[in-house]
C-alpha atoms as a PDB file:
ATOM      1  CA  MET A   1     -15.006  22.899  -7.294  1.00  0.00           C
ATOM      2  CA  ASN A   2     -13.954  26.218  -8.547  1.00  0.00           C
ATOM      3  CA  GLU A   3     -12.997  28.194  -5.683  1.00  0.00           C
ATOM      4  CA  THR A   4     -15.052  30.265  -3.404  1.00  0.00           C
ATOM      5  CA  ARG A   5     -14.130  33.461  -0.760  1.00  0.00           C
ATOM      6  CA  GLU A   6     -16.540  31.081   2.157  1.00  0.00           C
ATOM      7  CA  THR A   7     -18.652  28.606   2.430  1.00  0.00           C
ATOM      8  CA  HIS A   8     -22.091  27.981   4.750  1.00  0.00           C
ATOM      9  CA  TRP A   9     -22.546  24.666   5.939  1.00  0.00           C
ATOM     10  CA  GLN A  10     -24.888  22.846   7.666  1.00  0.00           C
ATOM     11  CA  CYS A  11     -25.585  19.480   9.100  1.00  0.00           C
ATOM     12  CA  ASP A  12     -29.423  18.553  10.194  1.00  0.00           C
ATOM     13  CA  TYR A  13     -29.494  14.716  11.135  1.00  0.00           C
ATOM     14  CA  ASN A  14     -33.035  13.501  12.374  1.00  0.00           C
ATOM     15  CA  ASP A  15     -34.092  17.091  12.491  1.00  0.00           C
ATOM     16  CA  TYR A  16     -31.757  18.041  14.329  1.00  0.00           C
ATOM     17  CA  THR A  17     -28.882  20.853  13.676  1.00  0.00           C
ATOM     18  CA  ILE A  18     -25.513  19.159  15.058  1.00  0.00           C
ATOM     19  CA  LEU A  19     -23.313  21.692  12.888  1.00  0.00           C
ATOM     20  CA  ASP A  20     -23.842  25.130  11.185  1.00  0.00           C
ATOM     21  CA  LYS A  21     -20.159  27.211  10.730  1.00  0.00           C
ATOM     22  CA  LEU A  22     -18.407  29.828   8.304  1.00  0.00           C
ATOM     23  CA  ASP A  23     -15.668  27.700   5.709  1.00  0.00           C
ATOM     24  CA  HIS A  24     -13.192  30.073   4.602  1.00  0.00           C
ATOM     25  CA  HIS A  25     -11.071  27.532   2.796  1.00  0.00           C
ATOM     26  CA  ARG A  26     -10.945  28.144  -1.126  1.00  0.00           C
ATOM     27  CA  LYS A  27     -11.823  24.965  -2.856  1.00  0.00           C
ATOM     28  CA  SER A  28     -11.923  21.837  -0.333  1.00  0.00           C
ATOM     29  CA  ALA A  29     -14.404  21.799   3.455  1.00  0.00           C
ATOM     30  CA  VAL A  30     -13.167  18.823   6.061  1.00  0.00           C
ATOM     31  CA  LEU A  31     -16.609  18.809   8.226  1.00  0.00           C
ATOM     32  CA  LEU A  32     -16.069  16.889  11.150  1.00  0.00           C
ATOM     33  CA  LEU A  33     -19.253  15.467  13.564  1.00  0.00           C
ATOM     34  CA  LYS A  34     -19.281  14.721  16.951  1.00  0.00           C
ATOM     35  CA  ARG A  35     -19.803  11.481  17.090  1.00  0.00           C
ATOM     36  CA  ASN A  36     -21.057  11.471  21.300  1.00  0.00           C
ATOM     37  CA  GLU A  37     -23.627  13.726  19.835  1.00  0.00           C
ATOM     38  CA  ILE A  38     -24.878  11.732  16.673  1.00  0.00           C
ATOM     39  CA  SER A  39     -24.970   8.616  18.201  1.00  0.00           C
ATOM     40  CA  MET A  40     -27.548  10.219  21.240  1.00  0.00           C
ATOM     41  CA  LEU A  41     -29.907  11.180  18.029  1.00  0.00           C
ATOM     42  CA  GLU A  42     -30.290   8.081  16.199  1.00  0.00           C
ATOM     43  CA  ASN A  43     -33.209   5.788  16.071  1.00  0.00           C
ATOM     44  CA  ARG A  44     -33.999   2.815  15.832  1.00  0.00           C
ATOM     45  CA  ARG A  45     -35.419   2.723  12.232  1.00  0.00           C
ATOM     46  CA  ASP A  46     -34.229   5.883  10.335  1.00  0.00           C
ATOM     47  CA  ASN A  47     -31.406   7.399  10.466  1.00  0.00           C
ATOM     48  CA  ARG A  48     -31.140  11.162   8.189  1.00  0.00           C
ATOM     49  CA  LEU A  49     -28.133  13.255   7.610  1.00  0.00           C
ATOM     50  CA  ILE A  50     -28.536  16.204   5.288  1.00  0.00           C
ATOM     51  CA  VAL A  51     -25.545  18.531   4.637  1.00  0.00           C
ATOM     52  CA  HIS A  52     -26.509  21.966   3.282  1.00  0.00           C
ATOM     53  CA  ALA A  53     -23.819  24.007   1.592  1.00  0.00           C
ATOM     54  CA  GLU A  54     -24.676  27.956   0.418  1.00  0.00           C
ATOM     55  CA  PHE A  55     -21.978  29.198  -1.687  1.00  0.00           C
ATOM     56  CA  MET A  56     -21.207  33.084  -1.574  1.00  0.00           C
ATOM     57  CA  GLU A  57     -21.116  32.944  -6.067  1.00  0.00           C
ATOM     58  CA  PRO A  58     -21.689  30.949  -8.858  1.00  0.00           C
ATOM     59  CA  LEU A  59     -20.341  27.833  -9.056  1.00  0.00           C
ATOM     60  CA  LYS A  60     -19.153  24.622 -10.588  1.00  0.00           C
ATOM     61  CA  ILE A  61     -18.904  21.459  -8.363  1.00  0.00           C
ATOM     62  CA  LEU A  62     -17.373  18.191  -9.799  1.00  0.00           C
ATOM     63  CA  ALA A  63     -18.984  15.350  -8.132  1.00  0.00           C
ATOM     64  CA  ASN A  64     -17.298  12.722  -9.855  1.00  0.00           C
ATOM     65  CA  GLN A  65     -13.878  14.433  -7.615  1.00  0.00           C
ATOM     66  CA  GLY A  66     -15.431  14.703  -4.079  1.00  0.00           C
ATOM     67  CA  PHE A  67     -16.568  11.916  -1.573  1.00  0.00           C
ATOM     68  CA  ILE A  68     -17.378  11.612   1.364  1.00  0.00           C
ATOM     69  CA  HIS A  69     -16.238   9.305   3.938  1.00  0.00           C
ATOM     70  CA  LEU A  70     -17.920   8.319   6.763  1.00  0.00           C
ATOM     71  CA  TYR A  71     -16.345   6.315   9.854  1.00  0.00           C
ATOM     72  CA  LYS A  72     -17.852   3.777  12.313  1.00  0.00           C
END
């Protein structure tokens, strides 16, 4: 991903917004989610985490160089 001035991040878990923030890092982002908030929203069958990113200018995302870590 090339540099950007800021990025608006929103994370929704089971239809609830658990993160909504502006990030001013230029090349990467670390999103920290509250584990206890996620565990309270867990369903028995279907759990969905949706991550939205809104970039302030056009950029190229290199998916093969990005990653997501999910810790238990």
